[in-house]
Amino acid sequence: MALVIKQRNVSDVAVLDLSGRLWILDLPLRDLMNGLLSEGRRRFVLNLAGVDYIDSSGLGQLVSIWGSVRNRKGLMTLLSPSKRVLRLFEITRLTSVFEICDQETDAIEKAARKASV
């Protein structure tokens, strides 16, 4: 299933609700994030609750996006990855890179607070 992205704003945090697969054949997330960064957005929550599969290319996209956000003094938090996706982050030790939250309010609060520091 192709990646579907729905964007909504909570205060000055862009919340992106993702569903489908984050893999080599789909690049809309990277393109959208580059556009948002170009517009001056710096606070992001990626809701992964609907993502059922991430391959190495998808992980690479997330790491690349994370780097771009940090280089612009922003912050990106991940929200509600499935057990399968969370296990992938654990195996690849990306849990030490990404801030991962279970509750949307926590993810938004962390993105807003840390990006303002």
PDB file of N, CA and C in Angstrom:
ATOM      1  N   MET A   1       0.837  -1.180   0.000  1.00  0.00           N
ATOM      2  CA  MET A   1       0.000   0.000   0.000  1.00  0.00           C
ATOM      3  C   MET A   1       0.887   1.250   0.000  1.00  0.00           C
ATOM      4  N   ALA A   2       0.609   2.171  -0.868  1.00  0.00           N
ATOM      5  CA  ALA A   2       1.383   3.410  -0.973  1.00  0.00           C
ATOM      6  C   ALA A   2       1.230   4.235   0.304  1.00  0.00           C
ATOM      7  N   LEU A   3       2.240   5.011   0.593  1.00  0.00           N
ATOM      8  CA  LEU A   3       2.224   5.861   1.776  1.00  0.00           C
ATOM      9  C   LEU A   3       1.236   7.008   1.571  1.00  0.00           C
ATOM     10  N   VAL A   4       0.370   7.193   2.559  1.00  0.00           N
ATOM     11  CA  VAL A   4      -0.594   8.296   2.551  1.00  0.00           C
ATOM     12  C   VAL A   4      -0.236   9.206   3.719  1.00  0.00           C
ATOM     13  N   ILE A   5      -0.181  10.505   3.460  1.00  0.00           N
ATOM     14  CA  ILE A   5       0.196  11.479   4.482  1.00  0.00           C
ATOM     15  C   ILE A   5      -0.910  12.504   4.616  1.00  0.00           C
ATOM     16  N   LYS A   6      -1.387  12.677   5.837  1.00  0.00           N
ATOM     17  CA  LYS A   6      -2.358  13.726   6.126  1.00  0.00           C
ATOM     18  C   LYS A   6      -1.708  14.688   7.103  1.00  0.00           C
ATOM     19  N   GLN A   7      -1.695  15.954   6.734  1.00  0.00           N
ATOM     20  CA  GLN A   7      -1.054  16.970   7.564  1.00  0.00           C
ATOM     21  C   GLN A   7      -2.105  17.765   8.317  1.00  0.00           C
ATOM     22  N   ARG A   8      -1.806  18.027   9.584  1.00  0.00           N
ATOM     23  CA  ARG A   8      -2.623  18.929  10.387  1.00  0.00           C
ATOM     24  C   ARG A   8      -1.676  19.705  11.286  1.00  0.00           C
ATOM     25  N   ASN A   9      -2.130  20.845  11.740  1.00  0.00           N
ATOM     26  CA  ASN A   9      -1.300  21.693  12.584  1.00  0.00           C
ATOM     27  C   ASN A   9      -1.918  21.798  13.965  1.00  0.00           C
ATOM     28  N   VAL A  10      -1.087  21.629  14.971  1.00  0.00           N
ATOM     29  CA  VAL A  10      -1.487  21.826  16.347  1.00  0.00           C
ATOM     30  C   VAL A  10      -0.545  22.896  16.881  1.00  0.00           C
ATOM     31  N   SER A  11      -1.088  24.089  17.088  1.00  0.00           N
ATOM     32  CA  SER A  11      -0.280  25.270  17.391  1.00  0.00           C
ATOM     33  C   SER A  11       0.728  25.431  16.259  1.00  0.00           C
ATOM     34  N   ASP A  12       2.015  25.462  16.577  1.00  0.00           N
ATOM     35  CA  ASP A  12       3.013  25.604  15.513  1.00  0.00           C
ATOM     36  C   ASP A  12       3.732  24.294  15.222  1.00  0.00           C
ATOM     37  N   VAL A  13       3.133  23.182  15.624  1.00  0.00           N
ATOM     38  CA  VAL A  13       3.692  21.857  15.357  1.00  0.00           C
ATOM     39  C   VAL A  13       2.929  21.228  14.193  1.00  0.00           C
ATOM     40  N   ALA A  14       3.660  20.792  13.183  1.00  0.00           N
ATOM     41  CA  ALA A  14       3.053  20.079  12.061  1.00  0.00           C
ATOM     42  C   ALA A  14       2.971  18.601  12.433  1.00  0.00           C
ATOM     43  N   VAL A  15       1.756  18.089  12.493  1.00  0.00           N
ATOM     44  CA  VAL A  15       1.541  16.671  12.780  1.00  0.00           C
ATOM     45  C   VAL A  15       1.233  15.986  11.453  1.00  0.00           C
ATOM     46  N   LEU A  16       2.047  14.986  11.115  1.00  0.00           N
ATOM     47  CA  LEU A  16       1.858  14.245   9.871  1.00  0.00           C
ATOM     48  C   LEU A  16       1.399  12.841  10.224  1.00  0.00           C
ATOM     49  N   ASP A  17       0.167  12.523   9.863  1.00  0.00           N
ATOM     50  CA  ASP A  17      -0.387  11.193  10.097  1.00  0.00           C
ATOM     51  C   ASP A  17      -0.069  10.342   8.876  1.00  0.00           C
ATOM     52  N   LEU A  18       0.751   9.311   9.088  1.00  0.00           N
ATOM     53  CA  LEU A  18       1.197   8.454   7.993  1.00  0.00           C
ATOM     54  C   LEU A  18       0.457   7.121   8.041  1.00  0.00           C
ATOM     55  N   SER A  19       0.143   6.590   6.869  1.00  0.00           N
ATOM     56  CA  SER A  19      -0.405   5.236   6.797  1.00  0.00           C
ATOM     57  C   SER A  19       0.112   4.573   5.530  1.00  0.00           C
ATOM     58  N   GLY A  20       0.303   3.266   5.638  1.00  0.00           N
ATOM     59  CA  GLY A  20       0.837   2.500   4.511  1.00  0.00           C
ATOM     60  C   GLY A  20       2.264   2.063   4.768  1.00  0.00           C
ATOM     61  N   ARG A  21       3.042   2.011   3.699  1.00  0.00           N
ATOM     62  CA  ARG A  21       4.429   1.556   3.768  1.00  0.00           C
ATOM     63  C   ARG A  21       5.396   2.701   3.519  1.00  0.00           C
ATOM     64  N   LEU A  22       6.431   2.738   4.336  1.00  0.00           N
ATOM     65  CA  LEU A  22       7.508   3.704   4.136  1.00  0.00           C
ATOM     66  C   LEU A  22       8.668   2.896   3.565  1.00  0.00           C
ATOM     67  N   TRP A  23       8.809   2.946   2.241  1.00  0.00           N
ATOM     68  CA  TRP A  23       9.797   2.096   1.589  1.00  0.00           C
ATOM     69  C   TRP A  23      10.357   2.767   0.355  1.00  0.00           C
ATOM     70  N   ILE A  24      11.225   2.042  -0.330  1.00  0.00           N
ATOM     71  CA  ILE A  24      12.008   2.596  -1.429  1.00  0.00           C
ATOM     72  C   ILE A  24      11.157   3.180  -2.555  1.00  0.00           C
ATOM     73  N   LEU A  25       9.983   2.666  -2.764  1.00  0.00           N
ATOM     74  CA  LEU A  25       9.163   3.124  -3.876  1.00  0.00           C
ATOM     75  C   LEU A  25       8.371   4.386  -3.568  1.00  0.00           C
ATOM     76  N   ASP A  26       8.397   4.851  -2.335  1.00  0.00           N
ATOM     77  CA  ASP A  26       7.624   6.028  -1.944  1.00  0.00           C
ATOM     78  C   ASP A  26       8.529   7.103  -1.372  1.00  0.00           C
ATOM     79  N   LEU A  27       8.461   8.296  -1.946  1.00  0.00           N
ATOM     80  CA  LEU A  27       9.270   9.413  -1.459  1.00  0.00           C
ATOM     81  C   LEU A  27       8.451  10.647  -1.090  1.00  0.00           C
ATOM     82  N   PRO A  28       7.127  10.545  -0.960  1.00  0.00           N
ATOM     83  CA  PRO A  28       6.364  11.762  -0.673  1.00  0.00           C
ATOM     84  C   PRO A  28       6.683  12.369   0.691  1.00  0.00           C
ATOM     85  N   LEU A  29       7.079  11.566   1.664  1.00  0.00           N
ATOM     86  CA  LEU A  29       7.394  12.106   2.983  1.00  0.00           C
ATOM     87  C   LEU A  29       8.611  13.006   2.900  1.00  0.00           C
ATOM     88  N   ARG A  30       9.642  12.544   2.252  1.00  0.00           N
ATOM     89  CA  ARG A  30      10.858  13.343   2.097  1.00  0.00           C
ATOM     90  C   ARG A  30      10.552  14.661   1.390  1.00  0.00           C
ATOM     91  N   ASP A  31       9.782  14.576   0.310  1.00  0.00           N
ATOM     92  CA  ASP A  31       9.445  15.768  -0.464  1.00  0.00           C
ATOM     93  C   ASP A  31       8.598  16.739   0.359  1.00  0.00           C
ATOM     94  N   LEU A  32       7.622  16.232   1.085  1.00  0.00           N
ATOM     95  CA  LEU A  32       6.774  17.081   1.919  1.00  0.00           C
ATOM     96  C   LEU A  32       7.585  17.754   3.019  1.00  0.00           C
ATOM     97  N   MET A  33       8.437  16.985   3.691  1.00  0.00           N
ATOM     98  CA  MET A  33       9.244  17.544   4.772  1.00  0.00           C
ATOM     99  C   MET A  33      10.207  18.612   4.244  1.00  0.00           C
ATOM    100  N   ASN A  34      10.806  18.380   3.092  1.00  0.00           N
ATOM    101  CA  ASN A  34      11.695  19.394   2.505  1.00  0.00           C
ATOM    102  C   ASN A  34      10.920  20.679   2.218  1.00  0.00           C
ATOM    103  N   GLY A  35       9.688  20.536   1.730  1.00  0.00           N
ATOM    104  CA  GLY A  35       8.849  21.696   1.465  1.00  0.00           C
ATOM    105  C   GLY A  35       8.501  22.447   2.741  1.00  0.00           C
ATOM    106  N   LEU A  36       8.136  21.710   3.786  1.00  0.00           N
ATOM    107  CA  LEU A  36       7.789  22.341   5.061  1.00  0.00           C
ATOM    108  C   LEU A  36       8.990  23.050   5.674  1.00  0.00           C
ATOM    109  N   LEU A  37      10.155  22.426   5.591  1.00  0.00           N
ATOM    110  CA  LEU A  37      11.374  23.061   6.097  1.00  0.00           C
ATOM    111  C   LEU A  37      11.688  24.336   5.307  1.00  0.00           C
ATOM    112  N   SER A  38      11.478  24.296   4.009  1.00  0.00           N
ATOM    113  CA  SER A  38      11.717  25.471   3.169  1.00  0.00           C
ATOM    114  C   SER A  38      10.774  26.620   3.533  1.00  0.00           C
ATOM    115  N   GLU A  39       9.573  26.270   4.004  1.00  0.00           N
ATOM    116  CA  GLU A  39       8.598  27.278   4.432  1.00  0.00           C
ATOM    117  C   GLU A  39       8.925  27.847   5.815  1.00  0.00           C
ATOM    118  N   GLY A  40       9.914  27.258   6.486  1.00  0.00           N
ATOM    119  CA  GLY A  40      10.295  27.751   7.804  1.00  0.00           C
ATOM    120  C   GLY A  40       9.726  26.953   8.964  1.00  0.00           C
ATOM    121  N   ARG A  41       9.045  25.864   8.673  1.00  0.00           N
ATOM    122  CA  ARG A  41       8.511  25.020   9.748  1.00  0.00           C
ATOM    123  C   ARG A  41       9.669  24.302  10.426  1.00  0.00           C
ATOM    124  N   ARG A  42       9.602  24.134  11.750  1.00  0.00           N
ATOM    125  CA  ARG A  42      10.705  23.518  12.483  1.00  0.00           C
ATOM    126  C   ARG A  42      10.251  22.492  13.517  1.00  0.00           C
ATOM    127  N   ARG A  43       8.967  22.346  13.718  1.00  0.00           N
ATOM    128  CA  ARG A  43       8.452  21.447  14.760  1.00  0.00           C
ATOM    129  C   ARG A  43       7.542  20.415  14.120  1.00  0.00           C
ATOM    130  N   PHE A  44       7.897  19.136  14.331  1.00  0.00           N
ATOM    131  CA  PHE A  44       7.188  18.066  13.633  1.00  0.00           C
ATOM    132  C   PHE A  44       6.904  16.875  14.544  1.00  0.00           C
ATOM    133  N   VAL A  45       5.742  16.282  14.325  1.00  0.00           N
ATOM    134  CA  VAL A  45       5.405  14.988  14.912  1.00  0.00           C
ATOM    135  C   VAL A  45       5.003  14.088  13.747  1.00  0.00           C
ATOM    136  N   LEU A  46       5.686  12.957  13.625  1.00  0.00           N
ATOM    137  CA  LEU A  46       5.316  11.968  12.614  1.00  0.00           C
ATOM    138  C   LEU A  46       4.549  10.854  13.311  1.00  0.00           C
ATOM    139  N   ASN A  47       3.270  10.767  13.025  1.00  0.00           N
ATOM    140  CA  ASN A  47       2.411   9.735  13.614  1.00  0.00           C
ATOM    141  C   ASN A  47       2.539   8.472  12.765  1.00  0.00           C
ATOM    142  N   LEU A  48       3.191   7.475  13.335  1.00  0.00           N
ATOM    143  CA  LEU A  48       3.466   6.226  12.612  1.00  0.00           C
ATOM    144  C   LEU A  48       2.452   5.117  12.910  1.00  0.00           C
ATOM    145  N   ALA A  49       1.372   5.444  13.586  1.00  0.00           N
ATOM    146  CA  ALA A  49       0.398   4.418  13.987  1.00  0.00           C
ATOM    147  C   ALA A  49      -0.128   3.618  12.796  1.00  0.00           C
ATOM    148  N   GLY A  50      -0.252   4.256  11.643  1.00  0.00           N
ATOM    149  CA  GLY A  50      -0.791   3.575  10.471  1.00  0.00           C
ATOM    150  C   GLY A  50       0.261   2.990   9.543  1.00  0.00           C
ATOM    151  N   VAL A  51       1.528   3.062   9.938  1.00  0.00           N
ATOM    152  CA  VAL A  51       2.606   2.524   9.099  1.00  0.00           C
ATOM    153  C   VAL A  51       2.836   1.067   9.478  1.00  0.00           C
ATOM    154  N   ASP A  52       2.624   0.176   8.520  1.00  0.00           N
ATOM    155  CA  ASP A  52       2.757  -1.250   8.823  1.00  0.00           C
ATOM    156  C   ASP A  52       4.080  -1.849   8.369  1.00  0.00           C
ATOM    157  N   TYR A  53       4.870  -1.070   7.618  1.00  0.00           N
ATOM    158  CA  TYR A  53       6.125  -1.619   7.095  1.00  0.00           C
ATOM    159  C   TYR A  53       7.101  -0.489   6.801  1.00  0.00           C
ATOM    160  N   ILE A  54       8.347  -0.668   7.208  1.00  0.00           N
ATOM    161  CA  ILE A  54       9.430   0.254   6.870  1.00  0.00           C
ATOM    162  C   ILE A  54      10.621  -0.590   6.430  1.00  0.00           C
ATOM    163  N   ASP A  55      11.176  -0.293   5.245  1.00  0.00           N
ATOM    164  CA  ASP A  55      12.379  -1.001   4.809  1.00  0.00           C
ATOM    165  C   ASP A  55      13.602  -0.114   5.069  1.00  0.00           C
ATOM    166  N   SER A  56      14.769  -0.575   4.644  1.00  0.00           N
ATOM    167  CA  SER A  56      15.992   0.171   4.917  1.00  0.00           C
ATOM    168  C   SER A  56      15.971   1.549   4.254  1.00  0.00           C
ATOM    169  N   SER A  57      15.368   1.662   3.099  1.00  0.00           N
ATOM    170  CA  SER A  57      15.247   2.953   2.432  1.00  0.00           C
ATOM    171  C   SER A  57      14.344   3.880   3.243  1.00  0.00           C
ATOM    172  N   GLY A  58      13.277   3.340   3.800  1.00  0.00           N
ATOM    173  CA  GLY A  58      12.384   4.128   4.650  1.00  0.00           C
ATOM    174  C   GLY A  58      13.092   4.607   5.903  1.00  0.00           C
ATOM    175  N   LEU A  59      13.897   3.726   6.504  1.00  0.00           N
ATOM    176  CA  LEU A  59      14.692   4.137   7.666  1.00  0.00           C
ATOM    177  C   LEU A  59      15.666   5.242   7.268  1.00  0.00           C
ATOM    178  N   GLY A  60      16.274   5.078   6.110  1.00  0.00           N
ATOM    179  CA  GLY A  60      17.199   6.099   5.617  1.00  0.00           C
ATOM    180  C   GLY A  60      16.509   7.441   5.421  1.00  0.00           C
ATOM    181  N   GLN A  61      15.285   7.415   4.916  1.00  0.00           N
ATOM    182  CA  GLN A  61      14.512   8.649   4.765  1.00  0.00           C
ATOM    183  C   GLN A  61      14.287   9.318   6.111  1.00  0.00           C
ATOM    184  N   LEU A  62      13.893   8.525   7.102  1.00  0.00           N
ATOM    185  CA  LEU A  62      13.633   9.083   8.435  1.00  0.00           C
ATOM    186  C   LEU A  62      14.891   9.701   9.031  1.00  0.00           C
ATOM    187  N   VAL A  63      16.010   9.010   8.896  1.00  0.00           N
ATOM    188  CA  VAL A  63      17.273   9.530   9.434  1.00  0.00           C
ATOM    189  C   VAL A  63      17.676  10.805   8.688  1.00  0.00           C
ATOM    190  N   SER A  64      17.534  10.812   7.386  1.00  0.00           N
ATOM    191  CA  SER A  64      17.868  11.985   6.583  1.00  0.00           C
ATOM    192  C   SER A  64      16.975  13.172   6.953  1.00  0.00           C
ATOM    193  N   ILE A  65      15.687  12.925   7.096  1.00  0.00           N
ATOM    194  CA  ILE A  65      14.745  13.976   7.483  1.00  0.00           C
ATOM    195  C   ILE A  65      15.100  14.501   8.869  1.00  0.00           C
ATOM    196  N   TRP A  66      15.378  13.591   9.793  1.00  0.00           N
ATOM    197  CA  TRP A  66      15.756  13.977  11.154  1.00  0.00           C
ATOM    198  C   TRP A  66      16.980  14.898  11.121  1.00  0.00           C
ATOM    199  N   GLY A  67      17.966  14.543  10.302  1.00  0.00           N
ATOM    200  CA  GLY A  67      19.170  15.361  10.178  1.00  0.00           C
ATOM    201  C   GLY A  67      18.860  16.737   9.618  1.00  0.00           C
ATOM    202  N   SER A  68      18.011  16.795   8.611  1.00  0.00           N
ATOM    203  CA  SER A  68      17.627  18.083   8.021  1.00  0.00           C
ATOM    204  C   SER A  68      16.907  18.958   9.039  1.00  0.00           C
ATOM    205  N   VAL A  69      16.026  18.360   9.817  1.00  0.00           N
ATOM    206  CA  VAL A  69      15.291  19.111  10.846  1.00  0.00           C
ATOM    207  C   VAL A  69      16.263  19.641  11.894  1.00  0.00           C
ATOM    208  N   ARG A  70      17.162  18.801  12.355  1.00  0.00           N
ATOM    209  CA  ARG A  70      18.132  19.226  13.383  1.00  0.00           C
ATOM    210  C   ARG A  70      19.079  20.308  12.864  1.00  0.00           C
ATOM    211  N   ASN A  71      19.486  20.187  11.608  1.00  0.00           N
ATOM    212  CA  ASN A  71      20.374  21.189  11.024  1.00  0.00           C
ATOM    213  C   ASN A  71      19.722  22.566  10.966  1.00  0.00           C
ATOM    214  N   ARG A  72      18.398  22.582  10.969  1.00  0.00           N
ATOM    215  CA  ARG A  72      17.661  23.852  10.952  1.00  0.00           C
ATOM    216  C   ARG A  72      17.127  24.209  12.336  1.00  0.00           C
ATOM    217  N   LYS A  73      17.738  23.620  13.358  1.00  0.00           N
ATOM    218  CA  LYS A  73      17.404  23.907  14.760  1.00  0.00           C
ATOM    219  C   LYS A  73      15.970  23.532  15.123  1.00  0.00           C
ATOM    220  N   GLY A  74      15.456  22.472  14.498  1.00  0.00           N
ATOM    221  CA  GLY A  74      14.107  22.007  14.786  1.00  0.00           C
ATOM    222  C   GLY A  74      14.124  20.680  15.515  1.00  0.00           C
ATOM    223  N   LEU A  75      12.948  20.106  15.665  1.00  0.00           N
ATOM    224  CA  LEU A  75      12.836  18.811  16.321  1.00  0.00           C
ATOM    225  C   LEU A  75      11.720  17.996  15.692  1.00  0.00           C
ATOM    226  N   MET A  76      11.948  16.725  15.602  1.00  0.00           N
ATOM    227  CA  MET A  76      10.962  15.795  15.069  1.00  0.00           C
ATOM    228  C   MET A  76      10.785  14.676  16.085  1.00  0.00           C
ATOM    229  N   THR A  77       9.558  14.448  16.497  1.00  0.00           N
ATOM    230  CA  THR A  77       9.272  13.310  17.363  1.00  0.00           C
ATOM    231  C   THR A  77       8.434  12.305  16.586  1.00  0.00           C
ATOM    232  N   LEU A  78       8.563  11.049  16.968  1.00  0.00           N
ATOM    233  CA  LEU A  78       7.785   9.979  16.357  1.00  0.00           C
ATOM    234  C   LEU A  78       6.696   9.564  17.325  1.00  0.00           C
ATOM    235  N   LEU A  79       5.527   9.281  16.791  1.00  0.00           N
ATOM    236  CA  LEU A  79       4.370   8.951  17.609  1.00  0.00           C
ATOM    237  C   LEU A  79       3.825   7.579  17.250  1.00  0.00           C
ATOM    238  N   SER A  80       3.592   6.774  18.249  1.00  0.00           N
ATOM    239  CA  SER A  80       2.843   5.516  18.168  1.00  0.00           C
ATOM    240  C   SER A  80       3.255   4.543  17.076  1.00  0.00           C
ATOM    241  N   PRO A  81       4.538   4.214  16.977  1.00  0.00           N
ATOM    242  CA  PRO A  81       4.887   3.173  15.994  1.00  0.00           C
ATOM    243  C   PRO A  81       4.288   1.835  16.423  1.00  0.00           C
ATOM    244  N   SER A  82       3.945   1.013  15.459  1.00  0.00           N
ATOM    245  CA  SER A  82       3.431  -0.329  15.769  1.00  0.00           C
ATOM    246  C   SER A  82       4.540  -1.129  16.453  1.00  0.00           C
ATOM    247  N   LYS A  83       4.177  -2.238  17.039  1.00  0.00           N
ATOM    248  CA  LYS A  83       5.180  -3.088  17.695  1.00  0.00           C
ATOM    249  C   LYS A  83       6.252  -3.519  16.702  1.00  0.00           C
ATOM    250  N   ARG A  84       5.833  -3.835  15.502  1.00  0.00           N
ATOM    251  CA  ARG A  84       6.773  -4.272  14.460  1.00  0.00           C
ATOM    252  C   ARG A  84       7.761  -3.158  14.107  1.00  0.00           C
ATOM    253  N   VAL A  85       7.253  -1.960  13.917  1.00  0.00           N
ATOM    254  CA  VAL A  85       8.104  -0.817  13.566  1.00  0.00           C
ATOM    255  C   VAL A  85       8.990  -0.438  14.749  1.00  0.00           C
ATOM    256  N   LEU A  86       8.442  -0.439  15.957  1.00  0.00           N
ATOM    257  CA  LEU A  86       9.243  -0.131  17.135  1.00  0.00           C
ATOM    258  C   LEU A  86      10.376  -1.136  17.290  1.00  0.00           C
ATOM    259  N   ARG A  87      10.091  -2.398  17.035  1.00  0.00           N
ATOM    260  CA  ARG A  87      11.128  -3.436  17.105  1.00  0.00           C
ATOM    261  C   ARG A  87      12.248  -3.148  16.102  1.00  0.00           C
ATOM    262  N   LEU A  88      11.891  -2.677  14.919  1.00  0.00           N
ATOM    263  CA  LEU A  88      12.883  -2.310  13.906  1.00  0.00           C
ATOM    264  C   LEU A  88      13.768  -1.175  14.421  1.00  0.00           C
ATOM    265  N   PHE A  89      13.165  -0.174  15.065  1.00  0.00           N
ATOM    266  CA  PHE A  89      13.955   0.914  15.648  1.00  0.00           C
ATOM    267  C   PHE A  89      14.881   0.389  16.740  1.00  0.00           C
ATOM    268  N   GLU A  90      14.409  -0.568  17.518  1.00  0.00           N
ATOM    269  CA  GLU A  90      15.235  -1.138  18.585  1.00  0.00           C
ATOM    270  C   GLU A  90      16.408  -1.929  18.013  1.00  0.00           C
ATOM    271  N   ILE A  91      16.144  -2.756  17.016  1.00  0.00           N
ATOM    272  CA  ILE A  91      17.189  -3.582  16.401  1.00  0.00           C
ATOM    273  C   ILE A  91      18.273  -2.704  15.778  1.00  0.00           C
ATOM    274  N   THR A  92      17.860  -1.617  15.150  1.00  0.00           N
ATOM    275  CA  THR A  92      18.810  -0.724  14.481  1.00  0.00           C
ATOM    276  C   THR A  92      19.363   0.344  15.426  1.00  0.00           C
ATOM    277  N   ARG A  93      18.951   0.283  16.667  1.00  0.00           N
ATOM    278  CA  ARG A  93      19.368   1.229  17.717  1.00  0.00           C
ATOM    279  C   ARG A  93      18.975   2.674  17.426  1.00  0.00           C
ATOM    280  N   LEU A  94      17.964   2.840  16.613  1.00  0.00           N
ATOM    281  CA  LEU A  94      17.486   4.187  16.319  1.00  0.00           C
ATOM    282  C   LEU A  94      16.624   4.754  17.435  1.00  0.00           C
ATOM    283  N   THR A  95      16.319   3.933  18.437  1.00  0.00           N
ATOM    284  CA  THR A  95      15.605   4.459  19.601  1.00  0.00           C
ATOM    285  C   THR A  95      16.478   5.446  20.363  1.00  0.00           C
ATOM    286  N   SER A  96      17.789   5.384  20.150  1.00  0.00           N
ATOM    287  CA  SER A  96      18.679   6.350  20.789  1.00  0.00           C
ATOM    288  C   SER A  96      18.792   7.639  19.968  1.00  0.00           C
ATOM    289  N   VAL A  97      18.289   7.618  18.749  1.00  0.00           N
ATOM    290  CA  VAL A  97      18.328   8.787  17.875  1.00  0.00           C
ATOM    291  C   VAL A  97      16.988   9.530  17.920  1.00  0.00           C
ATOM    292  N   PHE A  98      15.918   8.784  17.722  1.00  0.00           N
ATOM    293  CA  PHE A  98      14.586   9.376  17.651  1.00  0.00           C
ATOM    294  C   PHE A  98      13.938   9.459  19.021  1.00  0.00           C
ATOM    295  N   GLU A  99      13.205  10.530  19.239  1.00  0.00           N
ATOM    296  CA  GLU A  99      12.350  10.643  20.421  1.00  0.00           C
ATOM    297  C   GLU A  99      11.027   9.998  20.023  1.00  0.00           C
ATOM    298  N   ILE A 100      10.628   8.952  20.746  1.00  0.00           N
ATOM    299  CA  ILE A 100       9.429   8.196  20.409  1.00  0.00           C
ATOM    300  C   ILE A 100       8.440   8.313  21.559  1.00  0.00           C
ATOM    301  N   CYS A 101       7.208   8.692  21.231  1.00  0.00           N
ATOM    302  CA  CYS A 101       6.160   8.881  22.243  1.00  0.00           C
ATOM    303  C   CYS A 101       4.960   7.997  21.932  1.00  0.00           C
ATOM    304  N   ASP A 102       4.232   7.655  22.993  1.00  0.00           N
ATOM    305  CA  ASP A 102       3.013   6.863  22.839  1.00  0.00           C
ATOM    306  C   ASP A 102       1.769   7.739  22.753  1.00  0.00           C
ATOM    307  N   GLN A 103       1.841   8.927  23.337  1.00  0.00           N
ATOM    308  CA  GLN A 103       0.689   9.826  23.389  1.00  0.00           C
ATOM    309  C   GLN A 103       0.942  11.070  22.536  1.00  0.00           C
ATOM    310  N   GLU A 104      -0.060  11.463  21.762  1.00  0.00           N
ATOM    311  CA  GLU A 104       0.099  12.618  20.887  1.00  0.00           C
ATOM    312  C   GLU A 104       0.395  13.889  21.673  1.00  0.00           C
ATOM    313  N   THR A 105      -0.266  14.083  22.783  1.00  0.00           N
ATOM    314  CA  THR A 105      -0.024  15.304  23.565  1.00  0.00           C
ATOM    315  C   THR A 105       1.432  15.388  24.016  1.00  0.00           C
ATOM    316  N   ASP A 106       2.008  14.259  24.419  1.00  0.00           N
ATOM    317  CA  ASP A 106       3.421  14.240  24.825  1.00  0.00           C
ATOM    318  C   ASP A 106       4.335  14.566  23.649  1.00  0.00           C
ATOM    319  N   ALA A 107       4.044  13.976  22.489  1.00  0.00           N
ATOM    320  CA  ALA A 107       4.872  14.195  21.305  1.00  0.00           C
ATOM    321  C   ALA A 107       4.839  15.666  20.883  1.00  0.00           C
ATOM    322  N   ILE A 108       3.660  16.257  20.905  1.00  0.00           N
ATOM    323  CA  ILE A 108       3.515  17.665  20.521  1.00  0.00           C
ATOM    324  C   ILE A 108       4.228  18.558  21.528  1.00  0.00           C
ATOM    325  N   GLU A 109       4.049  18.259  22.809  1.00  0.00           N
ATOM    326  CA  GLU A 109       4.687  19.049  23.860  1.00  0.00           C
ATOM    327  C   GLU A 109       6.218  19.005  23.728  1.00  0.00           C
ATOM    328  N   LYS A 110       6.765  17.824  23.469  1.00  0.00           N
ATOM    329  CA  LYS A 110       8.215  17.688  23.338  1.00  0.00           C
ATOM    330  C   LYS A 110       8.733  18.408  22.099  1.00  0.00           C
ATOM    331  N   ALA A 111       8.006  18.320  21.001  1.00  0.00           N
ATOM    332  CA  ALA A 111       8.416  19.003  19.781  1.00  0.00           C
ATOM    333  C   ALA A 111       8.386  20.518  19.980  1.00  0.00           C
ATOM    334  N   ALA A 112       7.375  21.012  20.640  1.00  0.00           N
ATOM    335  CA  ALA A 112       7.244  22.455  20.871  1.00  0.00           C
ATOM    336  C   ALA A 112       8.289  22.953  21.855  1.00  0.00           C
ATOM    337  N   ARG A 113       8.485  22.233  22.924  1.00  0.00           N
ATOM    338  CA  ARG A 113       9.419  22.669  23.966  1.00  0.00           C
ATOM    339  C   ARG A 113      10.853  22.624  23.472  1.00  0.00           C
ATOM    340  N   LYS A 114      11.265  21.517  22.914  1.00  0.00           N
ATOM    341  CA  LYS A 114      12.671  21.360  22.530  1.00  0.00           C
ATOM    342  C   LYS A 114      13.038  22.227  21.333  1.00  0.00           C
ATOM    343  N   ALA A 115      12.110  22.437  20.430  1.00  0.00           N
ATOM    344  CA  ALA A 115      12.440  23.256  19.269  1.00  0.00           C
ATOM    345  C   ALA A 115      12.619  24.715  19.655  1.00  0.00           C
ATOM    346  N   SER A 116      12.044  25.113  20.763  1.00  0.00           N
ATOM    347  CA  SER A 116      12.145  26.508  21.175  1.00  0.00           C
ATOM    348  C   SER A 116      13.416  26.781  21.975  1.00  0.00           C
ATOM    349  N   VAL A 117      14.162  25.736  22.334  1.00  0.00           N
ATOM    350  CA  VAL A 117      15.372  25.908  23.148  1.00  0.00           C
ATOM    351  C   VAL A 117      16.500  26.426  22.286  1.00  0.00           C
TER     352      VAL A 117
END
